[in-house]
Amino acid sequence: MAWSYVKMSMFGIAAAYSRDDDIMATVAVLIQTPQKHPWGGSVLGHKTYKCDRIATDWQLNQDYFVERPLYNEEHFRMRYSLLT
């Protein structure tokens, strides 16, 4: 029953009621069908850069969010403001 439903959804109603269950033909069609990548956003040839996120986060906190910051609040707002 499930196999006839799969055949009907993939190949139409006529295929669901046919008596010859040619599994190899179905497999060949499925293999030739282009598959989407599971991650969905990669661009082939796109260059990536490794960055040390932990050290960068630590440095940001040391520069702005400690008792005696290296830079003042105005500098932080100018550099990291989304509304420029």
N, C-alpha and C. Protein backbone atom coordinates (compact mmCIF):
# COMPACT_ATOMS: atom_id res chain seq x y z
N MET A 1 0.81 -1.18 0.00
CA MET A 1 0.00 0.00 0.00
C MET A 1 0.86 1.25 0.00
N ALA A 2 1.86 1.30 0.87
CA ALA A 2 2.73 2.47 0.94
C ALA A 2 3.52 2.62 -0.35
N TRP A 3 3.97 1.50 -0.91
CA TRP A 3 4.74 1.57 -2.15
C TRP A 3 3.90 2.13 -3.29
N SER A 4 2.62 1.77 -3.37
CA SER A 4 1.78 2.31 -4.43
C SER A 4 1.54 3.79 -4.22
N TYR A 5 1.48 4.25 -2.99
CA TYR A 5 1.34 5.68 -2.73
C TYR A 5 2.58 6.44 -3.18
N VAL A 6 3.76 5.88 -2.89
CA VAL A 6 5.01 6.52 -3.32
C VAL A 6 5.07 6.57 -4.84
N LYS A 7 4.74 5.47 -5.49
CA LYS A 7 4.75 5.47 -6.96
C LYS A 7 3.75 6.47 -7.51
N MET A 8 2.58 6.56 -6.90
CA MET A 8 1.56 7.48 -7.38
C MET A 8 2.03 8.93 -7.23
N SER A 9 2.68 9.25 -6.13
CA SER A 9 3.13 10.61 -5.91
C SER A 9 4.30 10.97 -6.80
N MET A 10 5.13 9.99 -7.15
CA MET A 10 6.30 10.28 -7.97
C MET A 10 6.03 10.16 -9.46
N PHE A 11 5.25 9.18 -9.86
CA PHE A 11 5.12 8.87 -11.28
C PHE A 11 3.69 9.00 -11.81
N GLY A 12 2.73 9.36 -10.99
CA GLY A 12 1.36 9.51 -11.43
C GLY A 12 0.51 8.30 -11.08
N ILE A 13 -0.78 8.41 -11.33
CA ILE A 13 -1.74 7.38 -10.93
C ILE A 13 -1.53 6.07 -11.71
N ALA A 14 -1.20 6.17 -13.00
CA ALA A 14 -1.03 4.96 -13.81
C ALA A 14 0.08 4.07 -13.26
N ALA A 15 1.14 4.67 -12.73
CA ALA A 15 2.25 3.88 -12.20
C ALA A 15 1.86 3.15 -10.92
N ALA A 16 0.94 3.70 -10.16
CA ALA A 16 0.55 3.09 -8.89
C ALA A 16 -0.20 1.79 -9.11
N TYR A 17 -0.92 1.67 -10.20
CA TYR A 17 -1.73 0.48 -10.44
C TYR A 17 -1.07 -0.51 -11.41
N SER A 18 0.14 -0.24 -11.82
CA SER A 18 0.82 -1.18 -12.71
C SER A 18 1.31 -2.38 -11.90
N ARG A 19 1.39 -3.53 -12.55
CA ARG A 19 1.77 -4.76 -11.86
C ARG A 19 3.28 -4.97 -11.82
N ASP A 20 4.03 -4.31 -12.67
CA ASP A 20 5.48 -4.54 -12.70
C ASP A 20 6.16 -3.55 -11.75
N ASP A 21 6.62 -4.06 -10.64
CA ASP A 21 7.33 -3.23 -9.66
C ASP A 21 8.80 -3.22 -9.99
N ASP A 22 9.19 -2.35 -10.87
CA ASP A 22 10.58 -2.27 -11.27
C ASP A 22 11.31 -1.30 -10.34
N ILE A 23 11.85 -1.84 -9.27
CA ILE A 23 12.51 -1.02 -8.26
C ILE A 23 13.77 -0.37 -8.81
N MET A 24 14.47 -1.06 -9.68
CA MET A 24 15.71 -0.50 -10.23
C MET A 24 15.44 0.77 -11.04
N ALA A 25 14.35 0.82 -11.75
CA ALA A 25 14.01 2.03 -12.51
C ALA A 25 13.72 3.19 -11.57
N THR A 26 13.03 2.89 -10.49
CA THR A 26 12.74 3.93 -9.50
C THR A 26 14.01 4.45 -8.86
N VAL A 27 14.91 3.54 -8.52
CA VAL A 27 16.18 3.93 -7.91
C VAL A 27 17.00 4.77 -8.88
N ALA A 28 16.99 4.40 -10.16
CA ALA A 28 17.74 5.17 -11.15
C ALA A 28 17.20 6.59 -11.27
N VAL A 29 15.88 6.71 -11.22
CA VAL A 29 15.28 8.06 -11.29
C VAL A 29 15.64 8.87 -10.06
N LEU A 30 15.60 8.24 -8.90
CA LEU A 30 15.92 8.96 -7.67
C LEU A 30 17.38 9.37 -7.61
N ILE A 31 18.27 8.54 -8.14
CA ILE A 31 19.68 8.87 -8.14
C ILE A 31 19.96 10.05 -9.06
N GLN A 32 19.26 10.12 -10.19
CA GLN A 32 19.49 11.20 -11.15
C GLN A 32 18.83 12.51 -10.74
N THR A 33 17.92 12.48 -9.80
CA THR A 33 17.26 13.69 -9.34
C THR A 33 18.25 14.51 -8.52
N PRO A 34 18.42 15.79 -8.87
CA PRO A 34 19.37 16.60 -8.09
C PRO A 34 18.90 16.77 -6.65
N GLN A 35 19.81 16.61 -5.72
CA GLN A 35 19.49 16.70 -4.31
C GLN A 35 19.93 18.06 -3.77
N LYS A 36 19.13 18.62 -2.87
CA LYS A 36 19.51 19.86 -2.22
C LYS A 36 20.49 19.54 -1.09
N HIS A 37 21.42 20.46 -0.87
CA HIS A 37 22.34 20.29 0.24
C HIS A 37 21.59 20.51 1.55
N PRO A 38 21.87 19.73 2.58
CA PRO A 38 21.11 19.85 3.82
C PRO A 38 21.35 21.17 4.54
N TRP A 39 22.50 21.81 4.33
CA TRP A 39 22.78 23.04 5.05
C TRP A 39 22.17 24.25 4.35
N GLY A 40 21.94 24.18 3.05
CA GLY A 40 21.14 25.15 2.35
C GLY A 40 21.70 26.52 2.11
N GLY A 41 22.92 26.86 2.39
CA GLY A 41 23.36 28.22 2.15
C GLY A 41 24.78 28.33 1.65
N SER A 42 25.45 27.25 1.46
CA SER A 42 26.84 27.32 1.06
C SER A 42 26.98 27.75 -0.39
N VAL A 43 28.02 28.49 -0.64
CA VAL A 43 28.34 28.92 -1.99
C VAL A 43 29.66 28.25 -2.36
N LEU A 44 29.64 27.48 -3.44
CA LEU A 44 30.86 26.80 -3.85
C LEU A 44 31.94 27.82 -4.19
N GLY A 45 33.14 27.60 -3.70
CA GLY A 45 34.26 28.49 -3.97
C GLY A 45 34.30 29.70 -3.06
N HIS A 46 33.35 29.84 -2.15
CA HIS A 46 33.33 30.99 -1.25
C HIS A 46 34.47 30.85 -0.24
N LYS A 47 35.27 31.90 -0.12
CA LYS A 47 36.40 31.86 0.79
C LYS A 47 35.94 32.15 2.22
N THR A 48 36.37 31.34 3.16
CA THR A 48 36.04 31.55 4.56
C THR A 48 37.31 31.89 5.33
N TYR A 49 37.13 32.64 6.39
CA TYR A 49 38.25 33.05 7.22
C TYR A 49 38.03 32.51 8.63
N LYS A 50 39.07 31.92 9.19
CA LYS A 50 38.98 31.44 10.56
C LYS A 50 39.23 32.64 11.47
N CYS A 51 38.37 32.80 12.45
CA CYS A 51 38.56 33.88 13.40
C CYS A 51 38.45 33.31 14.81
N ASP A 52 39.20 33.89 15.69
CA ASP A 52 39.21 33.44 17.08
C ASP A 52 38.10 34.18 17.82
N ARG A 53 36.91 33.63 17.82
CA ARG A 53 35.75 34.30 18.40
C ARG A 53 35.87 34.49 19.90
N ILE A 54 36.46 33.54 20.57
CA ILE A 54 36.57 33.64 22.03
C ILE A 54 37.51 34.78 22.41
N ALA A 55 38.65 34.86 21.76
CA ALA A 55 39.59 35.94 22.06
C ALA A 55 39.03 37.30 21.66
N THR A 56 38.31 37.36 20.56
CA THR A 56 37.71 38.62 20.13
C THR A 56 36.65 39.08 21.12
N ASP A 57 35.83 38.16 21.59
CA ASP A 57 34.82 38.49 22.59
C ASP A 57 35.47 38.99 23.88
N TRP A 58 36.52 38.32 24.30
CA TRP A 58 37.23 38.73 25.52
C TRP A 58 37.81 40.13 25.34
N GLN A 59 38.41 40.41 24.18
CA GLN A 59 39.01 41.71 23.92
C GLN A 59 37.95 42.82 23.89
N LEU A 60 36.80 42.54 23.29
CA LEU A 60 35.71 43.51 23.26
C LEU A 60 35.25 43.85 24.67
N ASN A 61 35.12 42.82 25.50
CA ASN A 61 34.72 43.07 26.89
C ASN A 61 35.78 43.86 27.65
N GLN A 62 37.04 43.61 27.40
CA GLN A 62 38.11 44.34 28.07
C GLN A 62 38.16 45.80 27.62
N ASP A 63 37.81 46.05 26.35
CA ASP A 63 37.88 47.41 25.83
C ASP A 63 36.69 48.27 26.25
N TYR A 64 35.52 47.67 26.45
CA TYR A 64 34.33 48.47 26.66
C TYR A 64 33.54 48.17 27.93
N PHE A 65 33.56 46.96 28.46
CA PHE A 65 32.61 46.57 29.49
C PHE A 65 33.26 46.17 30.81
N VAL A 66 34.30 46.82 31.18
CA VAL A 66 34.94 46.58 32.48
C VAL A 66 34.80 47.84 33.33
N GLU A 67 35.29 47.78 34.55
CA GLU A 67 35.15 48.92 35.46
C GLU A 67 35.86 50.17 34.90
N ARG A 68 37.06 49.99 34.35
CA ARG A 68 37.79 51.11 33.74
C ARG A 68 38.04 50.76 32.27
N PRO A 69 37.08 51.04 31.37
CA PRO A 69 37.23 50.66 29.96
C PRO A 69 38.27 51.49 29.23
N LEU A 70 38.83 50.92 28.18
CA LEU A 70 39.82 51.61 27.36
C LEU A 70 39.16 52.72 26.55
N TYR A 71 37.96 52.48 26.06
CA TYR A 71 37.22 53.46 25.27
C TYR A 71 35.94 53.84 26.01
N ASN A 72 35.43 55.04 25.75
CA ASN A 72 34.24 55.49 26.44
C ASN A 72 32.96 55.06 25.71
N GLU A 73 31.83 55.40 26.32
CA GLU A 73 30.53 54.98 25.77
C GLU A 73 30.26 55.62 24.41
N GLU A 74 30.67 56.86 24.23
CA GLU A 74 30.45 57.54 22.95
C GLU A 74 31.19 56.83 21.81
N HIS A 75 32.41 56.41 22.08
CA HIS A 75 33.18 55.69 21.07
C HIS A 75 32.50 54.37 20.72
N PHE A 76 31.98 53.67 21.74
CA PHE A 76 31.28 52.41 21.49
C PHE A 76 30.05 52.63 20.63
N ARG A 77 29.27 53.66 20.94
CA ARG A 77 28.07 53.94 20.16
C ARG A 77 28.41 54.30 18.72
N MET A 78 29.47 55.07 18.51
CA MET A 78 29.87 55.43 17.14
C MET A 78 30.31 54.19 16.36
N ARG A 79 31.03 53.30 17.00
CA ARG A 79 31.58 52.15 16.28
C ARG A 79 30.58 51.05 16.05
N TYR A 80 29.69 50.78 17.01
CA TYR A 80 28.82 49.62 16.93
C TYR A 80 27.33 49.96 16.77
N SER A 81 27.02 51.21 16.52
CA SER A 81 25.62 51.60 16.37
C SER A 81 25.06 51.11 15.05
N LEU A 82 23.84 50.59 15.09
CA LEU A 82 23.17 50.14 13.87
C LEU A 82 22.48 51.30 13.16
N LEU A 83 22.24 52.37 13.85
CA LEU A 83 21.55 53.53 13.28
C LEU A 83 22.56 54.64 13.01
N THR A 84 23.34 54.51 11.98
CA THR A 84 24.33 55.54 11.68
C THR A 84 23.86 56.48 10.62
